[in-house]
């Protein structure tokens, strides 16, 4: 793409964004580095189990836990349970998978280790705070639409210091539908938002961009390795949140 075409496309996107009242975001791996944080927290749990049971290898615990995550998160947290209930279930399954006794005291300890490690590892994506501040300065509204337990996602935005800049935080846990099952239309209806009045940014094309676009939203894929693309409204892409902020200037 020539520089002239790139500049023209950028101006077109800027004009479109200027008409939006609502700026929507996914949370995990869009506004903060969830995979990194959760991996660190899980590793702390595996280490704790291994230290008490040296015959059980950490790599084996990782493999078992990965399988457990696949089987227990298929519903995208739409059944209304709390983060503690989800984690307690996973750690119970992990212990049982390795022939270990499941005791309340032991589970509570693992839950505490996980949460403390998660808190220590929470990291904002570069430019996330400045972007939300920029949006709010322009009198726009911020809505976070994300999959996960409501209590955990509220805790996360508070720990990250983002809560003052978020007007609405809504989760699959609250609505009872995953992003693939109609979460976006349900959110629009609940909060009285016109699809044409909202842009949504997420890191997962299948779970964020496609269903958001299907609900009539202007959708932008956040792909740190994929570069930027502004020439096709059906394939908008940014590689940094700072790039999106630049389109609002």
Foldseek 3Di string as FASTA:
>chain_A
DDPVVVVVLLLVVLVLLLQAQEEEEAPDPTFWPNVQLQVQLVLQLLVVVCVVPVVDDSVVLVVLLVVLCVVQCPQLQLAQDAPLVSQLVSVVSSCVVVPHDDDPVVSVVSVVSSVVSSLVPIDTFPPNQVLLVLCVVSVGAYEYEYGDHPVVVVVNCVSVVNVVSHPYYDYSSRVSHALVGCSQVVVCVVVVHDQSNYEYEYADCVRGVVSSVVSVHQYEHADLPPDADRPDSSYGYHNGSVVVSVSND
